[in-house]
């Protein structure tokens, strides 16, 4: 894809928005990355949009992981087990997606956006067990739940090319009982891992636009840093921000579905 002045501007703004949402809300930016690349930036192949966004989101998640780790909000062992299982799921999902027609994949992506948007309205509250840890004594019940849920979330993440933050966060809470703040911090480990796995799978099939990826990564990192700064200032409004963003995800999901249906009719 040729990066003209307009494409550069739109790509940079889309990357900033993706990173901003990821840092501010703790997930969700990646689910807008593909529609932004297709309908705003002008990437004409859904598979390339997915492969490109996956790598950009992975790098942005690493930046957010570092910032949350400094605040002591990452459960490293739980995150590693969850992510290791998710790698296999993400690889499987990404491979399956490369064999599917691009427009059908985009239509399913719209359906997924609506489902995730609705689920976001029911996002878990902050209660939980802050002292939960993966040790020899807890491994007997934490490892099976972390691996099972991790694989399932990774599968969906790889198939749809999304970081999966709004799937990973409730998945971590369900499998360990950790509080929301720790689940969000730990989720960035899995988002980065799943995104990297998905992007490598697509890259091996030649489905990553490297110049656009570099632009998207740079702008997403900037957006992520800004999002984290805003996160500390707007902690008391997280629930409202989450609901507003959920509404946006649902609206964009219906738009993507509508475009797919219209293209099928015409």
Foldseek 3Di string as FASTA:
>chain_A
DDCDPQLLVLLLVLLLQLLLCCQQQLFDSQLVQQVSCCVPSNDPFSLLSLLLSLQLQLLSLVLSLVVLVVVVQEQVVLLVLLQVLLLVLLLVLQVVQVPDHRLVLLLVSLVVLQVLLVVLLVDDAFDFDQPFHDDPVCCVQLNVLSNVLSSVQSNVCNNNSGLSRSSQLVSSCVRTRHGSSSSSSSSSSNSNSSSVSSNVSSVVVVSYDVVSSVSSNVSSNVSNVVNNVVNVVCVVCSSVVSNVSSVVSNVVSVVSNVVSVVVVVD
